């Protein structure tokens, strides 16, 4: 039983380290490529879930719908996010974060 706990703890530490590395990569890229929209709140939002929507950005960053849409479109244009239309809604996926969660080591 303790071996299982140890293995799970090691996997979790590895995953957290990879998330941190990816987040720092995004932080530096955002600052370099889109300095006018960069904020720590925006970065945190991109890593809170593997995807987001306009309403989530609007609410979390306390910006207008137009501004939230502009931010997400800029992030998509610069390959930070990938836009997916499902029904009448747009979802913006942080694909590297999603891939990180799907790459669970044995």
PDB file of N, CA and C in Angstrom:
ATOM      1  N   UNK A   1       0.828  -1.187   0.000  1.00  0.00           N
ATOM      2  CA  UNK A   1       0.000   0.000   0.000  1.00  0.00           C
ATOM      3  C   UNK A   1       0.881   1.264   0.000  1.00  0.00           C
ATOM      4  N   UNK A   2       1.924   1.267   0.814  1.00  0.00           N
ATOM      5  CA  UNK A   2       2.808   2.424   0.873  1.00  0.00           C
ATOM      6  C   UNK A   2       3.559   2.645  -0.434  1.00  0.00           C
ATOM      7  N   UNK A   3       3.858   1.557  -1.133  1.00  0.00           N
ATOM      8  CA  UNK A   3       4.505   1.694  -2.441  1.00  0.00           C
ATOM      9  C   UNK A   3       3.597   2.443  -3.406  1.00  0.00           C
ATOM     10  N   UNK A   4       2.313   2.151  -3.353  1.00  0.00           N
ATOM     11  CA  UNK A   4       1.345   2.837  -4.208  1.00  0.00           C
ATOM     12  C   UNK A   4       1.247   4.315  -3.876  1.00  0.00           C
ATOM     13  N   UNK A   5       1.264   4.649  -2.608  1.00  0.00           N
ATOM     14  CA  UNK A   5       1.223   6.048  -2.176  1.00  0.00           C
ATOM     15  C   UNK A   5       2.480   6.776  -2.645  1.00  0.00           C
ATOM     16  N   UNK A   6       3.627   6.114  -2.489  1.00  0.00           N
ATOM     17  CA  UNK A   6       4.886   6.710  -2.935  1.00  0.00           C
ATOM     18  C   UNK A   6       4.889   6.955  -4.441  1.00  0.00           C
ATOM     19  N   UNK A   7       4.417   5.986  -5.208  1.00  0.00           N
ATOM     20  CA  UNK A   7       4.394   6.116  -6.658  1.00  0.00           C
ATOM     21  C   UNK A   7       3.447   7.258  -7.067  1.00  0.00           C
ATOM     22  N   UNK A   8       2.283   7.350  -6.448  1.00  0.00           N
ATOM     23  CA  UNK A   8       1.334   8.415  -6.753  1.00  0.00           C
ATOM     24  C   UNK A   8       1.919   9.776  -6.411  1.00  0.00           C
ATOM     25  N   UNK A   9       2.588   9.871  -5.282  1.00  0.00           N
ATOM     26  CA  UNK A   9       3.209  11.134  -4.882  1.00  0.00           C
ATOM     27  C   UNK A   9       4.282  11.560  -5.884  1.00  0.00           C
ATOM     28  N   UNK A  10       5.102  10.631  -6.327  1.00  0.00           N
ATOM     29  CA  UNK A  10       6.143  10.941  -7.309  1.00  0.00           C
ATOM     30  C   UNK A  10       5.536  11.394  -8.628  1.00  0.00           C
ATOM     31  N   UNK A  11       4.474  10.718  -9.072  1.00  0.00           N
ATOM     32  CA  UNK A  11       3.802  11.107 -10.312  1.00  0.00           C
ATOM     33  C   UNK A  11       3.201  12.510 -10.188  1.00  0.00           C
ATOM     34  N   UNK A  12       2.622  12.796  -9.034  1.00  0.00           N
ATOM     35  CA  UNK A  12       2.018  14.109  -8.811  1.00  0.00           C
ATOM     36  C   UNK A  12       3.076  15.204  -8.801  1.00  0.00           C
ATOM     37  N   UNK A  13       4.181  14.964  -8.144  1.00  0.00           N
ATOM     38  CA  UNK A  13       5.284  15.936  -8.129  1.00  0.00           C
ATOM     39  C   UNK A  13       5.787  16.176  -9.544  1.00  0.00           C
ATOM     40  N   UNK A  14       5.943  15.116 -10.311  1.00  0.00           N
ATOM     41  CA  UNK A  14       6.394  15.229 -11.706  1.00  0.00           C
ATOM     42  C   UNK A  14       5.407  16.056 -12.522  1.00  0.00           C
ATOM     43  N   UNK A  15       4.118  15.804 -12.356  1.00  0.00           N
ATOM     44  CA  UNK A  15       3.085  16.549 -13.085  1.00  0.00           C
ATOM     45  C   UNK A  15       3.094  18.017 -12.699  1.00  0.00           C
ATOM     46  N   UNK A  16       3.198  18.310 -11.425  1.00  0.00           N
ATOM     47  CA  UNK A  16       3.233  19.700 -10.953  1.00  0.00           C
ATOM     48  C   UNK A  16       4.462  20.420 -11.498  1.00  0.00           C
ATOM     49  N   UNK A  17       5.593  19.761 -11.519  1.00  0.00           N
ATOM     50  CA  UNK A  17       6.808  20.364 -12.074  1.00  0.00           C
ATOM     51  C   UNK A  17       6.645  20.669 -13.557  1.00  0.00           C
ATOM     52  N   UNK A  18       6.014  19.762 -14.298  1.00  0.00           N
ATOM     53  CA  UNK A  18       5.784  19.984 -15.726  1.00  0.00           C
ATOM     54  C   UNK A  18       4.804  21.132 -15.959  1.00  0.00           C
ATOM     55  N   UNK A  19       3.757  21.221 -15.125  1.00  0.00           N
ATOM     56  CA  UNK A  19       2.808  22.339 -15.236  1.00  0.00           C
ATOM     57  C   UNK A  19       3.532  23.652 -14.973  1.00  0.00           C
ATOM     58  N   UNK A  20       4.359  23.683 -13.949  1.00  0.00           N
ATOM     59  CA  UNK A  20       5.112  24.893 -13.608  1.00  0.00           C
ATOM     60  C   UNK A  20       6.034  25.313 -14.750  1.00  0.00           C
ATOM     61  N   UNK A  21       6.716  24.352 -15.352  1.00  0.00           N
ATOM     62  CA  UNK A  21       7.604  24.642 -16.477  1.00  0.00           C
ATOM     63  C   UNK A  21       6.818  25.196 -17.657  1.00  0.00           C
ATOM     64  N   UNK A  22       5.701  24.574 -17.980  1.00  0.00           N
ATOM     65  CA  UNK A  22       4.849  25.041 -19.074  1.00  0.00           C
ATOM     66  C   UNK A  22       4.304  26.439 -18.785  1.00  0.00           C
ATOM     67  N   UNK A  23       3.912  26.665 -17.552  1.00  0.00           N
ATOM     68  CA  UNK A  23       3.380  27.968 -17.169  1.00  0.00           C
ATOM     69  C   UNK A  23       4.448  29.059 -17.304  1.00  0.00           C
ATOM     70  N   UNK A  24       5.662  28.772 -16.920  1.00  0.00           N
ATOM     71  CA  UNK A  24       6.751  29.741 -17.053  1.00  0.00           C
ATOM     72  C   UNK A  24       7.069  30.006 -18.529  1.00  0.00           C
ATOM     73  N   UNK A  25       6.994  28.963 -19.346  1.00  0.00           N
ATOM     74  CA  UNK A  25       7.201  29.136 -20.783  1.00  0.00           C
ATOM     75  C   UNK A  25       6.141  30.071 -21.354  1.00  0.00           C
ATOM     76  N   UNK A  26       4.888  29.847 -20.987  1.00  0.00           N
ATOM     77  CA  UNK A  26       3.800  30.717 -21.437  1.00  0.00           C
ATOM     78  C   UNK A  26       4.015  32.146 -20.931  1.00  0.00           C
ATOM     79  N   UNK A  27       4.424  32.276 -19.695  1.00  0.00           N
ATOM     80  CA  UNK A  27       4.631  33.610 -19.104  1.00  0.00           C
ATOM     81  C   UNK A  27       5.655  34.399 -19.920  1.00  0.00           C
ATOM     82  N   UNK A  28       6.783  33.781 -20.215  1.00  0.00           N
ATOM     83  CA  UNK A  28       7.834  34.475 -20.971  1.00  0.00           C
ATOM     84  C   UNK A  28       7.401  34.770 -22.398  1.00  0.00           C
ATOM     85  N   UNK A  29       6.711  33.814 -23.027  1.00  0.00           N
ATOM     86  CA  UNK A  29       6.208  34.039 -24.395  1.00  0.00           C
ATOM     87  C   UNK A  29       5.155  35.139 -24.424  1.00  0.00           C
ATOM     88  N   UNK A  30       4.229  35.110 -23.461  1.00  0.00           N
ATOM     89  CA  UNK A  30       3.193  36.150 -23.406  1.00  0.00           C
ATOM     90  C   UNK A  30       3.803  37.530 -23.234  1.00  0.00           C
ATOM     91  N   UNK A  31       4.757  37.630 -22.332  1.00  0.00           N
ATOM     92  CA  UNK A  31       5.419  38.925 -22.107  1.00  0.00           C
ATOM     93  C   UNK A  31       6.138  39.417 -23.358  1.00  0.00           C
ATOM     94  N   UNK A  32       6.714  38.500 -24.110  1.00  0.00           N
ATOM     95  CA  UNK A  32       7.467  38.873 -25.307  1.00  0.00           C
ATOM     96  C   UNK A  32       6.550  39.164 -26.497  1.00  0.00           C
ATOM     97  N   UNK A  33       5.540  38.340 -26.691  1.00  0.00           N
ATOM     98  CA  UNK A  33       4.711  38.417 -27.894  1.00  0.00           C
ATOM     99  C   UNK A  33       3.497  39.328 -27.714  1.00  0.00           C
ATOM    100  N   UNK A  34       2.878  39.278 -26.540  1.00  0.00           N
ATOM    101  CA  UNK A  34       1.655  40.058 -26.289  1.00  0.00           C
ATOM    102  C   UNK A  34       1.762  40.837 -24.978  1.00  0.00           C
ATOM    103  N   UNK A  35       2.725  41.734 -24.877  1.00  0.00           N
ATOM    104  CA  UNK A  35       2.930  42.426 -23.603  1.00  0.00           C
ATOM    105  C   UNK A  35       1.747  43.314 -23.181  1.00  0.00           C
ATOM    106  N   UNK A  36       0.966  43.786 -24.132  1.00  0.00           N
ATOM    107  CA  UNK A  36      -0.147  44.674 -23.784  1.00  0.00           C
ATOM    108  C   UNK A  36      -1.296  43.942 -23.098  1.00  0.00           C
ATOM    109  N   UNK A  37      -1.414  42.639 -23.320  1.00  0.00           N
ATOM    110  CA  UNK A  37      -2.501  41.918 -22.659  1.00  0.00           C
ATOM    111  C   UNK A  37      -2.007  41.023 -21.526  1.00  0.00           C
ATOM    112  N   UNK A  38      -0.691  40.895 -21.376  1.00  0.00           N
ATOM    113  CA  UNK A  38      -0.163  40.016 -20.337  1.00  0.00           C
ATOM    114  C   UNK A  38      -0.561  40.509 -18.949  1.00  0.00           C
ATOM    115  N   UNK A  39      -0.996  39.579 -18.128  1.00  0.00           N
ATOM    116  CA  UNK A  39      -1.169  39.822 -16.694  1.00  0.00           C
ATOM    117  C   UNK A  39      -1.060  38.472 -15.994  1.00  0.00           C
ATOM    118  N   UNK A  40      -0.719  38.502 -14.734  1.00  0.00           N
ATOM    119  CA  UNK A  40      -0.636  37.259 -13.972  1.00  0.00           C
ATOM    120  C   UNK A  40      -2.014  36.610 -13.886  1.00  0.00           C
ATOM    121  N   UNK A  41      -3.063  37.432 -13.796  1.00  0.00           N
ATOM    122  CA  UNK A  41      -4.422  36.890 -13.742  1.00  0.00           C
ATOM    123  C   UNK A  41      -4.768  36.140 -15.028  1.00  0.00           C
ATOM    124  N   UNK A  42      -4.373  36.683 -16.162  1.00  0.00           N
ATOM    125  CA  UNK A  42      -4.623  36.009 -17.436  1.00  0.00           C
ATOM    126  C   UNK A  42      -3.853  34.691 -17.490  1.00  0.00           C
ATOM    127  N   UNK A  43      -2.609  34.721 -17.103  1.00  0.00           N
ATOM    128  CA  UNK A  43      -1.797  33.500 -17.091  1.00  0.00           C
ATOM    129  C   UNK A  43      -2.431  32.443 -16.186  1.00  0.00           C
ATOM    130  N   UNK A  44      -2.847  32.846 -14.997  1.00  0.00           N
ATOM    131  CA  UNK A  44      -3.478  31.900 -14.069  1.00  0.00           C
ATOM    132  C   UNK A  44      -4.751  31.314 -14.664  1.00  0.00           C
ATOM    133  N   UNK A  45      -5.517  32.135 -15.358  1.00  0.00           N
ATOM    134  CA  UNK A  45      -6.744  31.668 -15.998  1.00  0.00           C
ATOM    135  C   UNK A  45      -6.451  30.600 -17.047  1.00  0.00           C
ATOM    136  N   UNK A  46      -5.391  30.797 -17.812  1.00  0.00           N
ATOM    137  CA  UNK A  46      -5.027  29.839 -18.859  1.00  0.00           C
ATOM    138  C   UNK A  46      -4.609  28.487 -18.290  1.00  0.00           C
ATOM    139  N   UNK A  47      -4.207  28.473 -17.015  1.00  0.00           N
ATOM    140  CA  UNK A  47      -3.741  27.238 -16.397  1.00  0.00           C
ATOM    141  C   UNK A  47      -4.680  26.705 -15.323  1.00  0.00           C
ATOM    142  N   UNK A  48      -5.782  27.396 -15.115  1.00  0.00           N
ATOM    143  CA  UNK A  48      -6.769  26.938 -14.142  1.00  0.00           C
ATOM    144  C   UNK A  48      -7.495  25.705 -14.661  1.00  0.00           C
ATOM    145  N   UNK A  49      -7.787  25.696 -15.955  1.00  0.00           N
ATOM    146  CA  UNK A  49      -8.442  24.588 -16.643  1.00  0.00           C
ATOM    147  C   UNK A  49      -7.767  24.446 -18.009  1.00  0.00           C
ATOM    148  N   UNK A  50      -7.859  23.281 -18.624  1.00  0.00           N
ATOM    149  CA  UNK A  50      -7.233  23.131 -19.938  1.00  0.00           C
ATOM    150  C   UNK A  50      -7.974  23.873 -21.055  1.00  0.00           C
ATOM    151  N   UNK A  51      -9.139  24.440 -20.748  1.00  0.00           N
ATOM    152  CA  UNK A  51      -9.869  25.236 -21.735  1.00  0.00           C
ATOM    153  C   UNK A  51     -10.588  26.375 -21.022  1.00  0.00           C
ATOM    154  N   UNK A  52     -11.007  27.373 -21.811  1.00  0.00           N
ATOM    155  CA  UNK A  52     -11.769  28.480 -21.251  1.00  0.00           C
ATOM    156  C   UNK A  52     -12.760  28.976 -22.284  1.00  0.00           C
ATOM    157  N   UNK A  53     -13.619  29.868 -21.849  1.00  0.00           N
ATOM    158  CA  UNK A  53     -14.622  30.477 -22.726  1.00  0.00           C
ATOM    159  C   UNK A  53     -14.579  31.989 -22.517  1.00  0.00           C
ATOM    160  N   UNK A  54     -15.217  32.706 -23.429  1.00  0.00           N
ATOM    161  CA  UNK A  54     -15.246  34.166 -23.352  1.00  0.00           C
ATOM    162  C   UNK A  54     -15.817  34.621 -22.012  1.00  0.00           C
ATOM    163  N   UNK A  55     -16.906  34.012 -21.577  1.00  0.00           N
ATOM    164  CA  UNK A  55     -17.536  34.427 -20.317  1.00  0.00           C
ATOM    165  C   UNK A  55     -16.618  34.235 -19.115  1.00  0.00           C
ATOM    166  N   UNK A  56     -15.814  33.191 -19.128  1.00  0.00           N
ATOM    167  CA  UNK A  56     -14.880  32.959 -18.017  1.00  0.00           C
ATOM    168  C   UNK A  56     -13.811  34.053 -17.977  1.00  0.00           C
ATOM    169  N   UNK A  57     -13.296  34.434 -19.136  1.00  0.00           N
ATOM    170  CA  UNK A  57     -12.290  35.501 -19.206  1.00  0.00           C
ATOM    171  C   UNK A  57     -12.914  36.817 -18.765  1.00  0.00           C
ATOM    172  N   UNK A  58     -14.101  37.083 -19.259  1.00  0.00           N
ATOM    173  CA  UNK A  58     -14.828  38.308 -18.901  1.00  0.00           C
ATOM    174  C   UNK A  58     -15.005  38.406 -17.380  1.00  0.00           C
ATOM    175  N   UNK A  59     -15.452  37.327 -16.780  1.00  0.00           N
ATOM    176  CA  UNK A  59     -15.706  37.320 -15.337  1.00  0.00           C
ATOM    177  C   UNK A  59     -14.416  37.388 -14.523  1.00  0.00           C
ATOM    178  N   UNK A  60     -13.453  36.548 -14.863  1.00  0.00           N
ATOM    179  CA  UNK A  60     -12.219  36.456 -14.077  1.00  0.00           C
ATOM    180  C   UNK A  60     -11.363  37.717 -14.167  1.00  0.00           C
ATOM    181  N   UNK A  61     -11.272  38.279 -15.365  1.00  0.00           N
ATOM    182  CA  UNK A  61     -10.419  39.456 -15.557  1.00  0.00           C
ATOM    183  C   UNK A  61     -11.191  40.768 -15.410  1.00  0.00           C
ATOM    184  N   UNK A  62     -12.507  40.658 -15.249  1.00  0.00           N
ATOM    185  CA  UNK A  62     -13.372  41.830 -15.107  1.00  0.00           C
ATOM    186  C   UNK A  62     -13.185  42.804 -16.265  1.00  0.00           C
ATOM    187  N   UNK A  63     -13.342  42.241 -17.475  1.00  0.00           N
ATOM    188  CA  UNK A  63     -13.242  43.023 -18.703  1.00  0.00           C
ATOM    189  C   UNK A  63     -14.547  42.864 -19.480  1.00  0.00           C
ATOM    190  N   UNK A  64     -14.722  43.685 -20.492  1.00  0.00           N
ATOM    191  CA  UNK A  64     -15.919  43.590 -21.324  1.00  0.00           C
ATOM    192  C   UNK A  64     -15.856  42.326 -22.190  1.00  0.00           C
ATOM    193  N   UNK A  65     -16.998  41.955 -22.717  1.00  0.00           N
ATOM    194  CA  UNK A  65     -17.048  40.792 -23.612  1.00  0.00           C
ATOM    195  C   UNK A  65     -16.169  41.026 -24.838  1.00  0.00           C
ATOM    196  N   UNK A  66     -16.183  42.228 -25.354  1.00  0.00           N
ATOM    197  CA  UNK A  66     -15.376  42.572 -26.520  1.00  0.00           C
ATOM    198  C   UNK A  66     -13.881  42.408 -26.215  1.00  0.00           C
ATOM    199  N   UNK A  67     -13.457  42.871 -25.053  1.00  0.00           N
ATOM    200  CA  UNK A  67     -12.056  42.743 -24.648  1.00  0.00           C
ATOM    201  C   UNK A  67     -11.687  41.278 -24.438  1.00  0.00           C
ATOM    202  N   UNK A  68     -12.555  40.518 -23.782  1.00  0.00           N
ATOM    203  CA  UNK A  68     -12.295  39.094 -23.561  1.00  0.00           C
ATOM    204  C   UNK A  68     -12.158  38.362 -24.895  1.00  0.00           C
ATOM    205  N   UNK A  69     -13.034  38.683 -25.834  1.00  0.00           N
ATOM    206  CA  UNK A  69     -12.971  38.069 -27.164  1.00  0.00           C
ATOM    207  C   UNK A  69     -11.671  38.440 -27.864  1.00  0.00           C
ATOM    208  N   UNK A  70     -11.287  39.695 -27.768  1.00  0.00           N
ATOM    209  CA  UNK A  70     -10.038  40.152 -28.397  1.00  0.00           C
ATOM    210  C   UNK A  70      -8.842  39.419 -27.800  1.00  0.00           C
ATOM    211  N   UNK A  71      -8.795  39.298 -26.467  1.00  0.00           N
ATOM    212  CA  UNK A  71      -7.696  38.585 -25.813  1.00  0.00           C
ATOM    213  C   UNK A  71      -7.606  37.145 -26.319  1.00  0.00           C
ATOM    214  N   UNK A  72      -8.741  36.456 -26.329  1.00  0.00           N
ATOM    215  CA  UNK A  72      -8.738  35.055 -26.738  1.00  0.00           C
ATOM    216  C   UNK A  72      -8.368  34.887 -28.205  1.00  0.00           C
ATOM    217  N   UNK A  73      -8.824  35.801 -29.038  1.00  0.00           N
ATOM    218  CA  UNK A  73      -8.447  35.731 -30.453  1.00  0.00           C
ATOM    219  C   UNK A  73      -6.959  35.985 -30.653  1.00  0.00           C
ATOM    220  N   UNK A  74      -6.393  36.932 -29.905  1.00  0.00           N
ATOM    221  CA  UNK A  74      -4.949  37.176 -29.984  1.00  0.00           C
ATOM    222  C   UNK A  74      -4.165  35.950 -29.508  1.00  0.00           C
ATOM    223  N   UNK A  75      -4.619  35.355 -28.426  1.00  0.00           N
ATOM    224  CA  UNK A  75      -3.946  34.159 -27.905  1.00  0.00           C
ATOM    225  C   UNK A  75      -4.030  33.007 -28.906  1.00  0.00           C
ATOM    226  N   UNK A  76      -5.132  32.933 -29.622  1.00  0.00           N
ATOM    227  CA  UNK A  76      -5.289  31.901 -30.650  1.00  0.00           C
ATOM    228  C   UNK A  76      -4.377  32.185 -31.840  1.00  0.00           C
ATOM    229  N   UNK A  77      -4.354  33.427 -32.279  1.00  0.00           N
ATOM    230  CA  UNK A  77      -3.513  33.812 -33.418  1.00  0.00           C
ATOM    231  C   UNK A  77      -2.041  33.516 -33.169  1.00  0.00           C
ATOM    232  N   UNK A  78      -1.613  33.622 -31.917  1.00  0.00           N
ATOM    233  CA  UNK A  78      -0.206  33.422 -31.573  1.00  0.00           C
ATOM    234  C   UNK A  78       0.063  32.028 -30.989  1.00  0.00           C
ATOM    235  N   UNK A  79      -0.862  31.107 -31.215  1.00  0.00           N
ATOM    236  CA  UNK A  79      -0.703  29.688 -30.850  1.00  0.00           C
ATOM    237  C   UNK A  79      -0.552  29.422 -29.356  1.00  0.00           C
ATOM    238  N   UNK A  80      -1.128  30.260 -28.527  1.00  0.00           N
ATOM    239  CA  UNK A  80      -1.189  29.956 -27.103  1.00  0.00           C
ATOM    240  C   UNK A  80      -2.390  29.048 -26.828  1.00  0.00           C
ATOM    241  N   UNK A  81      -3.460  29.263 -27.591  1.00  0.00           N
ATOM    242  CA  UNK A  81      -4.702  28.512 -27.440  1.00  0.00           C
ATOM    243  C   UNK A  81      -5.168  28.033 -28.806  1.00  0.00           C
ATOM    244  N   UNK A  82      -6.065  27.059 -28.806  1.00  0.00           N
ATOM    245  CA  UNK A  82      -6.688  26.599 -30.034  1.00  0.00           C
ATOM    246  C   UNK A  82      -8.203  26.730 -29.865  1.00  0.00           C
ATOM    247  N   UNK A  83      -8.828  27.357 -30.845  1.00  0.00           N
ATOM    248  CA  UNK A  83     -10.261  27.633 -30.789  1.00  0.00           C
ATOM    249  C   UNK A  83     -11.053  26.457 -31.353  1.00  0.00           C
ATOM    250  N   UNK A  84     -12.102  26.057 -30.606  1.00  0.00           N
ATOM    251  CA  UNK A  84     -12.999  24.991 -31.034  1.00  0.00           C
ATOM    252  C   UNK A  84     -14.429  25.489 -30.907  1.00  0.00           C
ATOM    253  N   UNK A  85     -15.190  25.348 -31.962  1.00  0.00           N
ATOM    254  CA  UNK A  85     -16.595  25.741 -31.929  1.00  0.00           C
ATOM    255  C   UNK A  85     -17.428  24.497 -31.657  1.00  0.00           C
ATOM    256  N   UNK A  86     -18.222  24.551 -30.591  1.00  0.00           N
ATOM    257  CA  UNK A  86     -19.108  23.449 -30.228  1.00  0.00           C
ATOM    258  C   UNK A  86     -20.504  24.042 -30.119  1.00  0.00           C
ATOM    259  N   UNK A  87     -21.343  23.663 -31.069  1.00  0.00           N
ATOM    260  CA  UNK A  87     -22.669  24.287 -31.112  1.00  0.00           C
ATOM    261  C   UNK A  87     -22.506  25.765 -31.415  1.00  0.00           C
ATOM    262  N   UNK A  88     -23.069  26.601 -30.571  1.00  0.00           N
ATOM    263  CA  UNK A  88     -22.938  28.041 -30.790  1.00  0.00           C
ATOM    264  C   UNK A  88     -21.868  28.680 -29.912  1.00  0.00           C
ATOM    265  N   UNK A  89     -21.129  27.864 -29.178  1.00  0.00           N
ATOM    266  CA  UNK A  89     -20.120  28.378 -28.254  1.00  0.00           C
ATOM    267  C   UNK A  89     -18.708  28.113 -28.768  1.00  0.00           C
ATOM    268  N   UNK A  90     -17.813  29.024 -28.437  1.00  0.00           N
ATOM    269  CA  UNK A  90     -16.394  28.849 -28.734  1.00  0.00           C
ATOM    270  C   UNK A  90     -15.670  28.470 -27.451  1.00  0.00           C
ATOM    271  N   UNK A  91     -14.862  27.461 -27.546  1.00  0.00           N
ATOM    272  CA  UNK A  91     -14.008  27.042 -26.438  1.00  0.00           C
ATOM    273  C   UNK A  91     -12.570  27.241 -26.888  1.00  0.00           C
ATOM    274  N   UNK A  92     -11.740  27.685 -25.980  1.00  0.00           N
ATOM    275  CA  UNK A  92     -10.345  27.970 -26.281  1.00  0.00           C
ATOM    276  C   UNK A  92      -9.492  27.032 -25.437  1.00  0.00           C
ATOM    277  N   UNK A  93      -8.833  26.092 -26.100  1.00  0.00           N
ATOM    278  CA  UNK A  93      -8.097  25.032 -25.416  1.00  0.00           C
ATOM    279  C   UNK A  93      -6.617  25.360 -25.298  1.00  0.00           C
ATOM    280  N   UNK A  94      -6.091  25.119 -24.125  1.00  0.00           N
ATOM    281  CA  UNK A  94      -4.654  25.181 -23.883  1.00  0.00           C
ATOM    282  C   UNK A  94      -4.143  23.761 -24.169  1.00  0.00           C
ATOM    283  N   UNK A  95      -3.844  23.501 -25.421  1.00  0.00           N
ATOM    284  CA  UNK A  95      -3.517  22.147 -25.874  1.00  0.00           C
ATOM    285  C   UNK A  95      -2.288  21.563 -25.164  1.00  0.00           C
ATOM    286  N   UNK A  96      -1.205  22.319 -24.985  1.00  0.00           N
ATOM    287  CA  UNK A  96      -0.063  21.730 -24.269  1.00  0.00           C
ATOM    288  C   UNK A  96      -0.427  21.301 -22.838  1.00  0.00           C
ATOM    289  N   UNK A  97      -1.285  22.076 -22.165  1.00  0.00           N
ATOM    290  CA  UNK A  97      -1.705  21.692 -20.814  1.00  0.00           C
ATOM    291  C   UNK A  97      -2.577  20.444 -20.872  1.00  0.00           C
ATOM    292  N   UNK A  98      -3.484  20.399 -21.820  1.00  0.00           N
ATOM    293  CA  UNK A  98      -4.329  19.221 -21.994  1.00  0.00           C
ATOM    294  C   UNK A  98      -3.468  17.988 -22.277  1.00  0.00           C
ATOM    295  N   UNK A  99      -2.499  18.124 -23.173  1.00  0.00           N
ATOM    296  CA  UNK A  99      -1.605  17.011 -23.501  1.00  0.00           C
ATOM    297  C   UNK A  99      -0.819  16.552 -22.281  1.00  0.00           C
ATOM    298  N   UNK A 100      -0.404  17.502 -21.470  1.00  0.00           N
ATOM    299  CA  UNK A 100       0.342  17.175 -20.252  1.00  0.00           C
ATOM    300  C   UNK A 100      -0.508  16.299 -19.334  1.00  0.00           C
ATOM    301  N   UNK A 101      -1.796  16.647 -19.183  1.00  0.00           N
ATOM    302  CA  UNK A 101      -2.672  15.845 -18.331  1.00  0.00           C
ATOM    303  C   UNK A 101      -2.943  14.465 -18.929  1.00  0.00           C
ATOM    304  N   UNK A 102      -2.920  14.363 -20.243  1.00  0.00           N
ATOM    305  CA  UNK A 102      -3.204  13.072 -20.872  1.00  0.00           C
ATOM    306  C   UNK A 102      -1.970  12.173 -20.906  1.00  0.00           C
ATOM    307  N   UNK A 103      -0.788  12.724 -20.700  1.00  0.00           N
ATOM    308  CA  UNK A 103       0.458  11.956 -20.717  1.00  0.00           C
ATOM    309  C   UNK A 103       0.809  11.531 -19.306  1.00  0.00           C
ATOM    310  N   UNK A 104       0.038  10.608 -18.792  1.00  0.00           N
ATOM    311  CA  UNK A 104       0.247  10.144 -17.423  1.00  0.00           C
ATOM    312  C   UNK A 104       1.237   8.987 -17.453  1.00  0.00           C
ATOM    313  N   UNK A 105       2.360   9.142 -16.716  1.00  0.00           N
ATOM    314  CA  UNK A 105       3.371   8.065 -16.728  1.00  0.00           C
ATOM    315  C   UNK A 105       2.867   6.809 -16.024  1.00  0.00           C
ATOM    316  N   UNK A 106       3.416   5.683 -16.441  1.00  0.00           N
ATOM    317  CA  UNK A 106       3.029   4.390 -15.825  1.00  0.00           C
ATOM    318  C   UNK A 106       3.606   4.243 -14.450  1.00  0.00           C
TER     319      UNK A 106
END
